[in-house]
Amino acid sequence: MATVTVRQTGSPIRRKKDQRATLVGLGLNRPGRVSTLEDTPSTRGMIAKVAHMVEVVKD
């Protein structure tokens, strides 16, 4: 299956709890962390929800 790699660029400090939980669900919790995930619609939705704090490194 295809994978997508994301890097956290922003801090979850002073963000809503659901955005923090989304970062944890993506396997991220600190700026600079990188996570490789399966490319599914649910994963893409999570990335879209916290797009201001993450960047897609590879598709």
N, C-alpha and C. Protein backbone atom coordinates (compact mmCIF):
# COMPACT_ATOMS: atom_id res chain seq x y z
N MET A 1 0.84 -1.18 0.00
CA MET A 1 0.00 0.00 0.00
C MET A 1 0.88 1.24 0.00
N ALA A 2 0.36 2.32 -0.52
CA ALA A 2 1.10 3.58 -0.60
C ALA A 2 1.27 4.17 0.80
N THR A 3 2.34 4.92 0.96
CA THR A 3 2.59 5.56 2.24
C THR A 3 2.77 7.06 2.05
N VAL A 4 2.61 7.80 3.14
CA VAL A 4 2.82 9.23 3.15
C VAL A 4 3.67 9.55 4.38
N THR A 5 4.66 10.42 4.20
CA THR A 5 5.54 10.80 5.30
C THR A 5 5.24 12.25 5.66
N VAL A 6 5.00 12.50 6.95
CA VAL A 6 4.70 13.85 7.42
C VAL A 6 5.69 14.27 8.49
N ARG A 7 5.99 15.57 8.53
CA ARG A 7 6.89 16.14 9.53
C ARG A 7 6.12 17.22 10.28
N GLN A 8 6.22 17.22 11.59
CA GLN A 8 5.57 18.25 12.39
C GLN A 8 6.42 19.50 12.38
N THR A 9 5.81 20.63 12.02
CA THR A 9 6.52 21.89 11.94
C THR A 9 6.09 22.87 13.02
N GLY A 10 4.90 22.69 13.57
CA GLY A 10 4.38 23.62 14.57
C GLY A 10 4.19 22.95 15.91
N SER A 11 4.12 23.78 16.95
CA SER A 11 3.95 23.29 18.30
C SER A 11 2.47 23.14 18.65
N PRO A 12 2.11 22.12 19.41
CA PRO A 12 0.72 21.96 19.83
C PRO A 12 0.35 22.83 21.04
N ILE A 13 1.29 23.61 21.53
CA ILE A 13 1.00 24.49 22.66
C ILE A 13 -0.05 25.51 22.24
N ARG A 14 -1.03 25.73 23.09
CA ARG A 14 -2.13 26.67 22.87
C ARG A 14 -3.01 26.28 21.69
N ARG A 15 -3.09 25.00 21.42
CA ARG A 15 -3.99 24.48 20.38
C ARG A 15 -5.12 23.72 21.06
N LYS A 16 -6.19 23.50 20.33
CA LYS A 16 -7.33 22.78 20.88
C LYS A 16 -6.96 21.32 21.14
N LYS A 17 -7.67 20.72 22.08
CA LYS A 17 -7.38 19.34 22.47
C LYS A 17 -7.56 18.36 21.31
N ASP A 18 -8.54 18.62 20.45
CA ASP A 18 -8.75 17.69 19.34
C ASP A 18 -7.60 17.76 18.34
N GLN A 19 -6.97 18.93 18.18
CA GLN A 19 -5.81 19.04 17.30
C GLN A 19 -4.60 18.33 17.91
N ARG A 20 -4.44 18.43 19.21
CA ARG A 20 -3.36 17.70 19.89
C ARG A 20 -3.56 16.20 19.74
N ALA A 21 -4.80 15.76 19.91
CA ALA A 21 -5.10 14.33 19.79
C ALA A 21 -4.86 13.85 18.35
N THR A 22 -5.14 14.69 17.37
CA THR A 22 -4.89 14.33 15.98
C THR A 22 -3.40 14.14 15.73
N LEU A 23 -2.57 15.03 16.31
CA LEU A 23 -1.12 14.86 16.16
C LEU A 23 -0.65 13.55 16.78
N VAL A 24 -1.17 13.22 17.95
CA VAL A 24 -0.81 11.96 18.59
C VAL A 24 -1.25 10.79 17.71
N GLY A 25 -2.43 10.89 17.12
CA GLY A 25 -2.91 9.84 16.22
C GLY A 25 -2.03 9.67 15.00
N LEU A 26 -1.39 10.75 14.57
CA LEU A 26 -0.46 10.69 13.45
C LEU A 26 0.93 10.22 13.87
N GLY A 27 1.13 10.05 15.17
CA GLY A 27 2.43 9.61 15.68
C GLY A 27 3.40 10.76 15.88
N LEU A 28 2.88 11.97 16.02
CA LEU A 28 3.70 13.15 16.21
C LEU A 28 3.39 13.78 17.56
N ASN A 29 4.38 14.41 18.19
CA ASN A 29 4.11 15.09 19.46
C ASN A 29 5.09 16.22 19.74
N ARG A 30 6.03 16.43 18.83
CA ARG A 30 7.05 17.44 19.06
C ARG A 30 7.52 17.96 17.69
N PRO A 31 7.72 19.27 17.54
CA PRO A 31 8.18 19.78 16.24
C PRO A 31 9.46 19.10 15.79
N GLY A 32 9.50 18.77 14.51
CA GLY A 32 10.66 18.10 13.94
C GLY A 32 10.49 16.60 13.81
N ARG A 33 9.51 16.03 14.48
CA ARG A 33 9.29 14.58 14.40
C ARG A 33 8.75 14.22 13.03
N VAL A 34 9.10 13.04 12.57
CA VAL A 34 8.67 12.54 11.26
C VAL A 34 7.95 11.21 11.47
N SER A 35 6.87 11.02 10.73
CA SER A 35 6.10 9.79 10.83
C SER A 35 5.71 9.32 9.44
N THR A 36 5.81 8.02 9.20
CA THR A 36 5.40 7.43 7.93
C THR A 36 4.14 6.61 8.18
N LEU A 37 3.09 6.93 7.41
CA LEU A 37 1.78 6.32 7.62
C LEU A 37 1.23 5.79 6.30
N GLU A 38 0.24 4.90 6.39
CA GLU A 38 -0.45 4.43 5.20
C GLU A 38 -1.27 5.57 4.62
N ASP A 39 -1.31 5.65 3.32
CA ASP A 39 -2.04 6.73 2.64
C ASP A 39 -3.50 6.31 2.46
N THR A 40 -4.31 6.62 3.47
CA THR A 40 -5.73 6.31 3.44
C THR A 40 -6.52 7.61 3.52
N PRO A 41 -7.80 7.58 3.19
CA PRO A 41 -8.61 8.80 3.30
C PRO A 41 -8.67 9.34 4.74
N SER A 42 -8.68 8.46 5.72
CA SER A 42 -8.73 8.92 7.11
C SER A 42 -7.43 9.61 7.50
N THR A 43 -6.30 9.09 7.04
CA THR A 43 -5.01 9.71 7.31
C THR A 43 -4.93 11.07 6.62
N ARG A 44 -5.39 11.16 5.39
CA ARG A 44 -5.39 12.43 4.68
C ARG A 44 -6.28 13.46 5.38
N GLY A 45 -7.40 13.00 5.94
CA GLY A 45 -8.27 13.90 6.69
C GLY A 45 -7.61 14.42 7.94
N MET A 46 -6.87 13.55 8.64
CA MET A 46 -6.15 13.98 9.84
C MET A 46 -5.07 15.00 9.48
N ILE A 47 -4.38 14.77 8.37
CA ILE A 47 -3.35 15.71 7.93
C ILE A 47 -3.99 17.06 7.59
N ALA A 48 -5.14 17.03 6.94
CA ALA A 48 -5.82 18.27 6.58
C ALA A 48 -6.27 19.04 7.81
N LYS A 49 -6.64 18.34 8.87
CA LYS A 49 -7.12 18.98 10.08
C LYS A 49 -6.01 19.77 10.78
N VAL A 50 -4.78 19.28 10.70
CA VAL A 50 -3.66 19.96 11.36
C VAL A 50 -2.63 20.43 10.31
N ALA A 51 -3.12 20.82 9.14
CA ALA A 51 -2.23 21.21 8.05
C ALA A 51 -1.34 22.39 8.41
N HIS A 52 -1.77 23.21 9.35
CA HIS A 52 -0.99 24.38 9.75
C HIS A 52 0.17 24.00 10.67
N MET A 53 0.22 22.74 11.12
CA MET A 53 1.29 22.29 12.00
C MET A 53 2.14 21.17 11.41
N VAL A 54 1.80 20.68 10.23
CA VAL A 54 2.56 19.59 9.61
C VAL A 54 2.84 19.91 8.15
N GLU A 55 3.82 19.20 7.60
CA GLU A 55 4.09 19.27 6.17
C GLU A 55 4.27 17.87 5.65
N VAL A 56 3.82 17.63 4.43
CA VAL A 56 3.97 16.34 3.79
C VAL A 56 5.33 16.31 3.13
N VAL A 57 6.17 15.36 3.57
CA VAL A 57 7.54 15.26 3.05
C VAL A 57 7.53 14.43 1.77
N LYS A 58 6.85 13.27 1.79
CA LYS A 58 6.77 12.37 0.63
C LYS A 58 5.35 11.89 0.49
N ASP A 59 4.95 11.71 -0.76
CA ASP A 59 3.64 11.08 -1.04
C ASP A 59 3.84 9.63 -1.36
